[in-house]
Amino acid sequence: MTLGHFLYIPGVFLLGILIGYILGGRAAANSAADRDLVARRAAARRARSEPTHEPPHGRDAPP
C-alpha cells in the first residue's frame, strides 16, 4: 500500500461519518417535528370532543 491509501481511506471514512451525522441530525429533527404535530393534532381532537363544563345559559339556567 502506498502513502495515499493511509490518507485516502481514513479521509473517506471520516467524510462518511460527517455526512451521516448531518443527515441523521436532520432526520431526527424531522421526526421530532412530526411527533409534535401529531401530538398537537391529537390534543386538539380531544379538546373538541370533550364536553364543556360551562354553566348553562338562557331560560333553562338555574337562578
Protein backbone atom coordinates (compact mmCIF):
# COMPACT_ATOMS: atom_id res chain seq x y z
CA MET A 1 0.00 0.00 0.00
CA THR A 2 1.11 3.48 -0.73
CA LEU A 3 1.05 6.55 1.46
CA GLY A 4 -2.07 7.70 -0.41
CA HIS A 5 -4.04 4.78 0.99
CA PHE A 6 -3.11 5.73 4.54
CA LEU A 7 -4.55 9.20 3.93
CA TYR A 8 -7.39 8.46 1.49
CA ILE A 9 -9.13 5.62 3.35
CA PRO A 10 -9.38 7.38 6.75
CA GLY A 11 -10.34 10.61 4.98
CA VAL A 12 -13.23 8.95 3.16
CA PHE A 13 -14.23 7.20 6.37
CA LEU A 14 -14.32 10.49 8.30
CA LEU A 15 -16.21 12.18 5.47
CA GLY A 16 -18.82 9.41 5.60
CA ILE A 17 -19.18 9.85 9.36
CA LEU A 18 -19.63 13.61 8.91
CA ILE A 19 -22.27 13.21 6.19
CA GLY A 20 -24.09 10.56 8.25
CA TYR A 21 -24.06 12.81 11.30
CA ILE A 22 -25.55 15.72 9.34
CA LEU A 23 -28.22 13.62 7.63
CA GLY A 24 -29.05 11.77 10.85
CA GLY A 25 -29.49 15.05 12.72
CA ARG A 26 -31.87 16.31 10.06
CA ALA A 27 -33.86 13.08 10.16
CA ALA A 28 -34.10 13.25 13.96
CA ALA A 29 -35.30 16.87 13.83
CA ASN A 30 -37.93 16.00 11.22
CA SER A 31 -39.09 13.03 13.28
CA ALA A 32 -39.42 15.17 16.40
CA ALA A 33 -41.39 17.79 14.46
CA ASP A 34 -43.71 15.10 13.09
CA ARG A 35 -44.31 13.66 16.57
CA ASP A 36 -45.02 17.15 17.91
CA LEU A 37 -47.51 17.80 15.10
CA VAL A 38 -49.29 14.50 15.74
CA ALA A 39 -49.46 15.25 19.48
CA ARG A 40 -50.87 18.74 18.87
CA ARG A 41 -53.48 17.37 16.47
CA ALA A 42 -54.49 14.68 18.97
CA ALA A 43 -54.78 17.26 21.75
CA ALA A 44 -56.95 19.47 19.55
CA ARG A 45 -59.11 16.48 18.63
CA ARG A 46 -59.56 15.58 22.33
CA ALA A 47 -60.38 19.19 23.19
CA ARG A 48 -63.08 19.29 20.51
CA SER A 49 -64.66 16.01 21.61
CA GLU A 50 -64.74 16.66 25.38
CA PRO A 51 -67.91 18.25 26.73
CA THR A 52 -67.50 21.71 28.16
CA HIS A 53 -68.21 22.33 31.83
CA GLU A 54 -69.65 25.78 31.38
CA PRO A 55 -72.84 26.68 33.23
CA PRO A 56 -75.96 26.64 31.05
CA HIS A 57 -77.22 29.92 29.63
CA GLY A 58 -80.76 31.02 28.83
CA ARG A 59 -84.15 30.18 30.31
CA ASP A 60 -83.11 26.72 31.48
CA ALA A 61 -80.35 28.04 33.70
CA PRO A 62 -80.97 27.76 37.43
CA PRO A 63 -81.21 31.10 39.28
